[in-house]
Amino acid sequence: MSATGWIRERFAGPTPGTAPGATGTWPRTALSLPFIGMALVVVLDYFTDAAVTVEPALTAVPALAAVVSRRTWYPLAIGACTEVAAFVMAVRNDVLAESVHSATVFAIVLVAVISWVSATLRLRQERLLADAQLVASIARRVLLRPVPDRVGTVRAAVHYAAAAAHARIGGDLYEVVNTRHGVRAVVGDVRGKGLGAVETAAAVLGAFREAAHQEAALDKVAGWLADSLDRALHENDHPGVEEEFVTLVLIGVGPDGTAEIVNCGHPAPLLLRGGEAVRPLELAETVPPLGVLDPADVRPPVHRVPLRPGDRVLLFTDGVIEARDRAGVFYPLAERFPRHADGGPVEVLHRLHEDVVRHVGRQLGDDAAMLLLQYDPPPVTDRPAVAVAVAVAVAAAAAPAPADPGGQPAPPAPRAPSVPHVPQQNAHLSRQ
């Protein structure tokens, strides 16, 4: 297997049509449909009056073969079998020398060749699409890295669905990092779609991954992102820079469980606490998205919320709450969130996404990203007994010797008299 084939199989599955027995979305049993169709025409001709021939109906069999199979040779093989069936029918009906049989034979050959060309072009397009999906998958892994199950004191999960057909990356962005200031996460939405939105998302994420570690204050992180976004848009001559903006929400969870939230024109996160109703973490002061104000004027307020073990904070983009059904009703995320809150973060987001798709009844019309953070600090364990015993022994060995009643330190213990060593040679002379 080539290097590109190995990468393709790891990221996007096998190449379409290369695996033995691959038939696309059709099951293997679908390969028998052309033979069934051919048999039905032959049986119908057998029970039909000889004056009426249904031989021209065989021309549809090679076309059916091109539909159910992705093997380019399959329509040609079915065409050859169809020619044999047409010959048998012509001999039985005694029309071998008539024009209807000649026209049927020519039509079967023509349809078989067209089906072969169609299958070849379709396979080539599917391979190009698989390569495009591979590139999108690699770009997503570089830009939107997988979120680990545990980051510091929180359990995390993310679910991302791109709106573009067959695309795996869009204008939504997310990231979770563990810093010396605590766990920090971002969820954002870039205005527009396509390559321009991806470039803008890359600039914001690159700045966040650096600023989250360097800046102690979360509002300073937002200012850093605004400055990086403004520089990236103007330095690269980004089209429509005057209308470009990014809505995002930043959240930081400190070691003591205090959550800090900075919101820049983004939908408010939802807090789900056991036994309580879902509460949107809205700020009293509204802040415009990044890119609207001058970076020097970006000073968003910081909202602090103490978290308890088990609390869940859901961050999302407007593609989720603006998903409409056929009647135009928006998806009620705050109402549906508690219904699917059983299980771990990954299971919760999976059920929520399925519920959104059921509500819409079709493919989502906008990128949709959801990030769920569950505050779950690791339990504090006692120091092992062995370590305590070692510490006590070390402290006792380092303590000074006790004093006698006169206030003077106790003399050291008397040492046993040593026996002088007699050399082996002298001992031999004494025996003489």
Protein backbone atom coordinates (compact mmCIF):
# COMPACT_ATOMS: atom_id res chain seq x y z
CA MET A 1 0.00 0.00 0.00
CA SER A 2 1.29 3.45 -0.88
CA ALA A 3 1.85 6.19 1.70
CA THR A 4 -1.18 8.16 0.49
CA GLY A 5 -3.30 5.03 0.57
CA TRP A 6 -2.22 4.33 4.15
CA ILE A 7 -3.08 7.89 5.21
CA ARG A 8 -6.39 7.76 3.39
CA GLU A 9 -7.35 4.49 5.07
CA ARG A 10 -6.44 5.83 8.52
CA PHE A 11 -8.28 9.14 8.19
CA ALA A 12 -11.10 8.65 5.73
CA GLY A 13 -11.47 4.91 5.27
CA PRO A 14 -10.63 2.80 2.22
CA THR A 15 -10.58 4.27 -1.24
CA PRO A 16 -14.01 3.89 -2.89
CA GLY A 17 -14.19 0.88 -5.14
CA THR A 18 -10.77 -0.59 -4.32
CA ALA A 19 -11.76 -3.05 -1.65
CA PRO A 20 -12.90 -6.45 -2.92
CA GLY A 21 -16.65 -6.65 -3.12
CA ALA A 22 -17.18 -2.95 -2.51
CA THR A 23 -20.52 -1.88 -3.92
CA GLY A 24 -20.91 1.63 -2.55
CA THR A 25 -24.04 2.16 -0.51
CA TRP A 26 -25.67 -0.93 -2.08
CA PRO A 27 -25.41 -4.31 -0.31
CA ARG A 28 -23.75 -7.25 -2.02
CA THR A 29 -27.11 -8.78 -2.83
CA ALA A 30 -27.81 -5.79 -5.11
CA LEU A 31 -25.36 -7.25 -7.63
CA SER A 32 -28.01 -9.85 -8.46
CA LEU A 33 -30.56 -7.24 -9.54
CA PRO A 34 -29.40 -7.16 -13.20
CA PHE A 35 -29.72 -10.95 -13.41
CA ILE A 36 -33.17 -10.78 -11.83
CA GLY A 37 -34.22 -8.13 -14.33
CA MET A 38 -32.87 -10.19 -17.22
CA ALA A 39 -34.71 -13.29 -15.99
CA LEU A 40 -37.98 -11.36 -15.66
CA VAL A 41 -37.73 -10.18 -19.29
CA VAL A 42 -36.99 -13.72 -20.50
CA VAL A 43 -39.91 -15.19 -18.51
CA LEU A 44 -42.23 -12.45 -19.73
CA ASP A 45 -41.20 -13.15 -23.32
CA TYR A 46 -41.79 -16.88 -22.79
CA PHE A 47 -45.39 -16.37 -21.67
CA THR A 48 -46.11 -13.70 -24.28
CA ASP A 49 -47.50 -14.29 -27.72
CA ALA A 50 -44.74 -14.90 -30.25
CA ALA A 51 -46.08 -12.08 -32.39
CA VAL A 52 -45.14 -9.60 -29.66
CA THR A 53 -41.52 -9.47 -28.53
CA VAL A 54 -40.23 -7.81 -25.37
CA GLU A 55 -36.60 -8.20 -26.39
CA PRO A 56 -35.91 -4.41 -26.46
CA ALA A 57 -36.57 -4.34 -22.70
CA LEU A 58 -33.18 -6.02 -22.22
CA THR A 59 -31.42 -2.75 -22.98
CA ALA A 60 -32.17 -1.54 -19.44
CA VAL A 61 -30.19 -4.37 -17.83
CA PRO A 62 -26.64 -2.96 -18.41
CA ALA A 63 -27.79 0.43 -17.13
CA LEU A 64 -29.02 -1.24 -13.95
CA ALA A 65 -25.63 -2.90 -13.57
CA ALA A 66 -23.91 0.50 -13.59
CA VAL A 67 -26.21 1.70 -10.81
CA VAL A 68 -25.72 -1.15 -8.33
CA SER A 69 -21.96 -1.68 -8.79
CA ARG A 70 -18.84 0.46 -8.68
CA ARG A 71 -16.82 -2.07 -10.67
CA THR A 72 -16.17 -0.65 -14.10
CA TRP A 73 -16.13 -4.09 -15.74
CA TYR A 74 -19.48 -5.13 -14.31
CA PRO A 75 -21.71 -3.30 -16.87
CA LEU A 76 -19.68 -4.83 -19.73
CA ALA A 77 -20.03 -8.32 -18.28
CA ILE A 78 -23.78 -7.86 -17.79
CA GLY A 79 -24.00 -6.50 -21.34
CA ALA A 80 -22.41 -9.68 -22.69
CA CYS A 81 -24.85 -11.84 -20.73
CA THR A 82 -27.72 -9.70 -21.97
CA GLU A 83 -26.61 -10.25 -25.58
CA VAL A 84 -26.79 -14.01 -25.01
CA ALA A 85 -30.30 -13.66 -23.59
CA ALA A 86 -31.34 -11.53 -26.58
CA PHE A 87 -29.99 -14.15 -28.98
CA VAL A 88 -31.94 -16.92 -27.23
CA MET A 89 -35.15 -14.88 -27.32
CA ALA A 90 -34.64 -14.02 -30.99
CA VAL A 91 -34.16 -17.71 -31.93
CA ARG A 92 -37.28 -18.69 -30.00
CA ASN A 93 -39.42 -15.95 -31.56
CA ASP A 94 -37.86 -16.52 -34.98
CA VAL A 95 -36.85 -12.84 -35.32
CA LEU A 96 -33.13 -13.39 -35.66
CA ALA A 97 -33.03 -11.81 -39.10
CA GLU A 98 -35.44 -8.99 -38.36
CA SER A 99 -34.56 -5.38 -37.64
CA VAL A 100 -35.99 -5.46 -34.11
CA HIS A 101 -33.32 -7.95 -33.03
CA SER A 102 -30.54 -6.02 -34.75
CA ALA A 103 -31.68 -2.79 -33.09
CA THR A 104 -31.83 -4.51 -29.70
CA VAL A 105 -28.31 -5.90 -30.06
CA PHE A 106 -26.95 -2.48 -31.03
CA ALA A 107 -28.82 -0.78 -28.19
CA ILE A 108 -27.48 -3.27 -25.62
CA VAL A 109 -23.91 -2.65 -26.79
CA LEU A 110 -24.41 1.11 -26.72
CA VAL A 111 -25.99 1.10 -23.24
CA ALA A 112 -23.26 -1.20 -21.89
CA VAL A 113 -20.50 1.11 -23.18
CA ILE A 114 -22.25 4.19 -21.82
CA SER A 115 -22.69 2.44 -18.46
CA TRP A 116 -19.01 1.54 -18.40
CA VAL A 117 -18.03 5.16 -19.09
CA SER A 118 -20.49 6.38 -16.44
CA ALA A 119 -19.14 3.96 -13.83
CA THR A 120 -15.57 5.00 -14.63
CA LEU A 121 -16.30 8.70 -14.30
CA ARG A 122 -18.29 8.18 -11.13
CA LEU A 123 -15.48 6.16 -9.55
CA ARG A 124 -13.00 8.89 -10.48
CA GLN A 125 -15.21 11.55 -8.91
CA GLU A 126 -15.62 9.48 -5.76
CA ARG A 127 -11.88 9.12 -5.45
CA LEU A 128 -11.46 12.88 -5.87
CA LEU A 129 -14.12 13.41 -3.22
CA ALA A 130 -12.36 10.96 -0.90
CA ASP A 131 -9.10 12.87 -1.38
CA ALA A 132 -10.88 16.15 -0.64
CA GLN A 133 -12.38 14.65 2.51
CA LEU A 134 -8.93 13.42 3.49
CA VAL A 135 -7.49 16.91 3.13
CA ALA A 136 -10.40 18.34 5.13
CA SER A 137 -9.90 15.73 7.85
CA ILE A 138 -6.19 16.51 8.15
CA ALA A 139 -6.89 20.24 8.17
CA ARG A 140 -9.45 19.76 10.90
CA ARG A 141 -7.02 17.74 13.00
CA VAL A 142 -4.49 20.54 12.68
CA LEU A 143 -6.93 23.40 13.22
CA LEU A 144 -9.53 21.78 15.50
CA ARG A 145 -7.58 19.31 17.56
CA PRO A 146 -9.37 16.47 19.36
CA VAL A 147 -10.39 17.33 22.91
CA PRO A 148 -9.18 14.83 25.55
CA ASP A 149 -11.70 13.23 27.89
CA ARG A 150 -10.13 14.92 30.92
CA VAL A 151 -8.40 18.28 31.03
CA GLY A 152 -7.22 19.25 34.49
CA THR A 153 -10.21 19.44 36.83
CA VAL A 154 -12.88 19.02 34.14
CA ARG A 155 -14.15 16.29 31.86
CA ALA A 156 -14.65 17.57 28.33
CA ALA A 157 -16.29 16.54 25.07
CA VAL A 158 -16.94 18.29 21.77
CA HIS A 159 -19.23 17.66 18.82
CA TYR A 160 -18.79 19.49 15.53
CA ALA A 161 -20.92 19.28 12.37
CA ALA A 162 -20.09 21.32 9.28
CA ALA A 163 -22.95 22.64 7.20
CA ALA A 164 -21.34 22.15 3.78
CA ALA A 165 -22.08 18.82 2.17
CA HIS A 166 -19.16 16.34 2.51
CA ALA A 167 -17.15 18.98 4.42
CA ARG A 168 -15.62 18.38 7.83
CA ILE A 169 -14.50 21.87 8.68
CA GLY A 170 -16.19 25.25 8.64
CA GLY A 171 -16.28 28.58 10.43
CA ASP A 172 -16.93 27.36 13.98
CA LEU A 173 -13.99 27.00 16.35
CA TYR A 174 -13.30 25.42 19.73
CA GLU A 175 -10.35 24.58 21.96
CA VAL A 176 -9.64 23.40 25.52
CA VAL A 177 -6.22 23.79 27.14
CA ASN A 178 -4.81 23.16 30.60
CA THR A 179 -2.67 26.07 31.79
CA ARG A 180 -1.01 27.19 35.01
CA HIS A 181 -4.01 29.50 35.44
CA GLY A 182 -6.46 26.59 35.23
CA VAL A 183 -8.48 25.01 32.45
CA ARG A 184 -9.42 27.43 29.68
CA ALA A 185 -11.74 26.90 26.73
CA VAL A 186 -13.12 28.89 23.81
CA VAL A 187 -16.04 28.40 21.46
CA GLY A 188 -16.55 30.82 18.60
CA ASP A 189 -18.29 31.42 15.31
CA VAL A 190 -16.73 33.20 12.34
CA ARG A 191 -18.99 35.22 10.10
CA GLY A 192 -19.46 33.49 6.76
CA LYS A 193 -18.28 30.13 5.44
CA GLY A 194 -15.64 28.73 3.16
CA LEU A 195 -11.89 29.26 3.08
CA GLY A 196 -12.13 32.80 4.41
CA ALA A 197 -13.88 31.59 7.55
CA VAL A 198 -11.33 28.82 8.01
CA GLU A 199 -8.44 31.31 7.76
CA THR A 200 -10.06 33.57 10.33
CA ALA A 201 -10.73 30.66 12.68
CA ALA A 202 -7.10 29.56 12.37
CA ALA A 203 -5.88 33.04 13.35
CA VAL A 204 -8.15 33.14 16.42
CA LEU A 205 -7.27 29.63 17.58
CA GLY A 206 -3.54 30.21 17.17
CA ALA A 207 -3.77 33.35 19.28
CA PHE A 208 -5.86 31.62 21.95
CA ARG A 209 -3.45 28.72 22.33
CA GLU A 210 -0.69 31.23 23.09
CA ALA A 211 -2.62 33.79 25.11
CA ALA A 212 -4.32 31.20 27.34
CA HIS A 213 -0.93 30.24 28.76
CA GLN A 214 0.59 33.73 28.90
CA GLU A 215 -2.22 35.94 30.24
CA ALA A 216 -3.41 35.51 33.82
CA ALA A 217 -6.60 37.56 33.31
CA LEU A 218 -9.27 36.19 31.00
CA ASP A 219 -10.26 39.61 29.68
CA LYS A 220 -6.64 40.13 28.62
CA VAL A 221 -6.92 36.92 26.62
CA ALA A 222 -9.89 38.40 24.75
CA GLY A 223 -7.86 41.52 24.02
CA TRP A 224 -5.02 39.39 22.71
CA LEU A 225 -7.44 37.57 20.37
CA ALA A 226 -8.87 40.86 19.11
CA ASP A 227 -5.41 42.19 18.32
CA SER A 228 -4.36 38.99 16.53
CA LEU A 229 -7.60 38.90 14.53
CA ASP A 230 -7.21 42.52 13.43
CA ARG A 231 -3.60 41.95 12.40
CA ALA A 232 -4.40 38.75 10.48
CA LEU A 233 -7.25 40.36 8.54
CA HIS A 234 -5.29 43.45 7.51
CA GLU A 235 -1.93 41.82 6.81
CA ASN A 236 -3.39 39.17 4.49
CA ASP A 237 -5.65 41.58 2.58
CA HIS A 238 -8.64 39.54 3.68
CA PRO A 239 -11.66 40.30 1.43
CA GLY A 240 -14.46 42.10 3.21
CA VAL A 241 -12.31 42.93 6.21
CA GLU A 242 -14.64 45.73 7.22
CA GLU A 243 -17.50 43.26 7.67
CA GLU A 244 -15.52 40.42 9.24
CA PHE A 245 -16.11 39.58 12.90
CA VAL A 246 -16.00 36.64 15.29
CA THR A 247 -18.36 35.90 18.14
CA LEU A 248 -16.86 33.83 20.93
CA VAL A 249 -17.11 32.95 24.58
CA LEU A 250 -14.12 32.27 26.83
CA ILE A 251 -14.34 30.23 30.01
CA GLY A 252 -11.71 29.45 32.60
CA VAL A 253 -12.08 26.99 35.48
CA GLY A 254 -9.63 27.62 38.30
CA PRO A 255 -8.23 25.03 40.70
CA ASP A 256 -10.77 26.12 43.33
CA GLY A 257 -13.72 25.50 40.98
CA THR A 258 -14.46 29.14 40.18
CA ALA A 259 -15.48 29.61 36.56
CA GLU A 260 -14.65 32.88 34.80
CA ILE A 261 -16.60 33.73 31.66
CA VAL A 262 -15.96 36.37 29.01
CA ASN A 263 -18.57 36.73 26.27
CA CYS A 264 -18.04 38.68 23.05
CA GLY A 265 -21.37 38.70 21.23
CA HIS A 266 -21.87 34.94 21.54
CA PRO A 267 -24.86 32.94 22.83
CA ALA A 268 -24.63 32.53 26.60
CA PRO A 269 -23.42 29.16 27.91
CA LEU A 270 -25.86 26.96 29.81
CA LEU A 271 -25.19 25.76 33.35
CA LEU A 272 -26.80 22.49 34.40
CA ARG A 273 -26.64 21.73 38.11
CA GLY A 274 -28.22 18.66 39.62
CA GLY A 275 -31.74 19.34 40.95
CA GLU A 276 -31.93 22.82 39.42
CA ALA A 277 -33.23 24.24 36.18
CA VAL A 278 -30.88 25.11 33.35
CA ARG A 279 -29.45 28.58 33.86
CA PRO A 280 -27.98 30.70 31.05
CA LEU A 281 -24.74 32.34 32.16
CA GLU A 282 -25.62 35.74 30.74
CA LEU A 283 -23.64 38.89 31.44
CA ALA A 284 -25.19 42.13 32.58
CA GLU A 285 -23.15 44.12 30.07
CA THR A 286 -23.21 43.17 26.38
CA VAL A 287 -19.95 43.20 24.43
CA PRO A 288 -19.81 43.27 20.61
CA PRO A 289 -18.02 40.52 18.67
CA LEU A 290 -14.31 40.72 17.99
CA GLY A 291 -13.57 42.72 14.89
CA VAL A 292 -16.26 45.34 15.50
CA LEU A 293 -14.30 47.51 17.92
CA ASP A 294 -10.71 48.62 17.78
CA PRO A 295 -8.54 46.04 19.59
CA ALA A 296 -7.50 48.68 22.14
CA ASP A 297 -11.17 49.16 23.10
CA VAL A 298 -11.87 45.47 23.76
CA ARG A 299 -12.29 45.31 27.55
CA PRO A 300 -14.99 42.73 28.24
CA PRO A 301 -16.23 42.17 31.80
CA VAL A 302 -15.45 38.92 33.57
CA HIS A 303 -18.36 36.97 35.05
CA ARG A 304 -17.49 34.56 37.90
CA VAL A 305 -19.56 31.53 38.85
CA PRO A 306 -18.57 29.04 41.58
CA LEU A 307 -18.91 25.48 40.34
CA ARG A 308 -19.78 22.40 42.32
CA PRO A 309 -18.57 18.88 41.50
CA GLY A 310 -20.82 17.49 38.78
CA ASP A 311 -21.86 20.87 37.33
CA ARG A 312 -21.98 20.97 33.55
CA VAL A 313 -21.40 24.00 31.35
CA LEU A 314 -22.52 23.72 27.71
CA LEU A 315 -20.95 26.08 25.17
CA PHE A 316 -22.37 26.10 21.65
CA THR A 317 -22.65 28.08 18.44
CA ASP A 318 -25.77 29.59 16.92
CA GLY A 319 -26.01 26.73 14.43
CA VAL A 320 -27.55 24.70 17.25
CA ILE A 321 -30.12 27.11 18.64
CA GLU A 322 -31.03 28.50 15.20
CA ALA A 323 -31.77 25.08 13.74
CA ARG A 324 -35.41 25.18 12.60
CA ASP A 325 -37.91 22.49 11.80
CA ARG A 326 -40.20 22.63 8.77
CA ALA A 327 -42.59 24.88 10.66
CA GLY A 328 -39.82 27.40 11.40
CA VAL A 329 -39.56 26.60 15.13
CA PHE A 330 -36.08 27.00 16.62
CA TYR A 331 -34.49 24.12 18.49
CA PRO A 332 -35.16 24.58 22.25
CA LEU A 333 -31.69 23.72 23.55
CA ALA A 334 -32.27 24.91 27.13
CA GLU A 335 -35.34 22.69 27.33
CA ARG A 336 -33.82 19.61 25.70
CA PHE A 337 -30.43 19.75 27.43
CA PRO A 338 -31.60 18.23 30.75
CA ARG A 339 -33.44 15.42 28.94
CA HIS A 340 -30.18 14.12 27.47
CA ALA A 341 -27.89 14.86 30.42
CA ASP A 342 -27.53 11.24 31.58
CA GLY A 343 -24.13 9.68 31.02
CA GLY A 344 -20.74 11.11 30.24
CA PRO A 345 -20.09 14.29 28.22
CA VAL A 346 -19.51 12.36 24.99
CA GLU A 347 -22.82 10.52 25.22
CA VAL A 348 -24.68 13.71 26.14
CA LEU A 349 -23.43 15.61 23.09
CA HIS A 350 -24.11 12.66 20.81
CA ARG A 351 -27.72 12.45 21.94
CA LEU A 352 -28.13 16.22 21.69
CA HIS A 353 -26.87 16.24 18.09
CA GLU A 354 -29.22 13.42 17.13
CA ASP A 355 -32.08 15.35 18.71
CA VAL A 356 -31.17 18.47 16.71
CA VAL A 357 -31.14 16.47 13.47
CA ARG A 358 -34.52 14.94 14.30
CA HIS A 359 -35.90 18.39 15.04
CA VAL A 360 -34.69 19.79 11.71
CA GLY A 361 -35.53 16.69 9.67
CA ARG A 362 -32.68 17.30 7.20
CA GLN A 363 -29.06 18.36 7.03
CA LEU A 364 -28.21 21.36 9.19
CA GLY A 365 -28.04 24.63 7.31
CA ASP A 366 -25.22 26.08 9.42
CA ASP A 367 -22.11 24.87 11.19
CA ALA A 368 -22.94 23.56 14.65
CA ALA A 369 -20.43 23.06 17.46
CA MET A 370 -21.05 22.05 21.08
CA LEU A 371 -18.50 21.86 23.89
CA LEU A 372 -19.47 20.34 27.24
CA LEU A 373 -17.36 20.87 30.37
CA GLN A 374 -18.14 18.91 33.52
CA TYR A 375 -16.42 20.05 36.72
CA ASP A 376 -15.02 16.85 38.19
CA PRO A 377 -11.97 17.52 40.38
CA PRO A 378 -9.93 14.44 41.25
CA PRO A 379 -10.41 13.25 44.84
CA VAL A 380 -7.76 14.25 47.40
CA THR A 381 -6.15 11.09 48.78
CA ASP A 382 -4.35 10.79 52.16
CA ARG A 383 -0.61 10.35 52.27
CA PRO A 384 0.33 6.66 52.39
CA ALA A 385 1.30 5.27 55.80
CA VAL A 386 4.72 4.25 54.53
CA ALA A 387 5.57 7.79 53.53
CA VAL A 388 4.49 9.06 56.96
CA ALA A 389 6.63 6.49 58.71
CA VAL A 390 9.66 7.41 56.63
CA ALA A 391 9.18 11.10 57.42
CA VAL A 392 8.95 10.37 61.15
CA ALA A 393 12.11 8.27 61.04
CA VAL A 394 14.03 10.98 59.21
CA ALA A 395 12.89 13.60 61.73
CA ALA A 396 13.92 11.41 64.67
CA ALA A 397 17.37 10.81 63.20
CA ALA A 398 17.93 14.53 62.71
CA ALA A 399 16.86 15.46 66.29
CA PRO A 400 19.69 16.44 68.82
CA ALA A 401 20.71 14.07 71.64
CA PRO A 402 18.84 14.49 74.98
CA ALA A 403 20.57 16.41 77.83
CA ASP A 404 21.42 15.01 81.31
CA PRO A 405 19.91 16.49 84.49
CA GLY A 406 22.85 18.91 84.79
CA GLY A 407 22.01 20.53 81.51
CA GLN A 408 25.00 18.98 79.73
CA PRO A 409 24.47 16.80 76.67
CA ALA A 410 24.59 13.12 77.45
CA PRO A 411 27.96 11.56 76.76
CA PRO A 412 28.14 9.17 73.89
CA ALA A 413 27.76 5.50 74.59
CA PRO A 414 31.07 3.78 75.50
CA ARG A 415 32.66 1.92 72.69
CA ALA A 416 33.78 -1.68 73.08
CA PRO A 417 37.58 -2.12 73.40
CA SER A 418 39.16 -3.13 70.19
CA VAL A 419 41.34 -6.24 69.93
CA PRO A 420 44.70 -5.57 68.32
CA HIS A 421 45.31 -7.34 65.10
CA VAL A 422 48.22 -9.82 65.16
CA PRO A 423 49.93 -10.28 61.84
CA GLN A 424 49.92 -13.82 60.51
CA GLN A 425 53.73 -13.95 60.26
CA ASN A 426 54.36 -13.04 63.96
CA ALA A 427 51.90 -15.63 65.12
CA HIS A 428 53.88 -18.29 63.27
CA LEU A 429 57.15 -17.25 64.97
CA SER A 430 55.61 -17.38 68.45
CA ARG A 431 54.58 -21.00 67.90
CA GLN A 432 58.20 -21.83 67.21
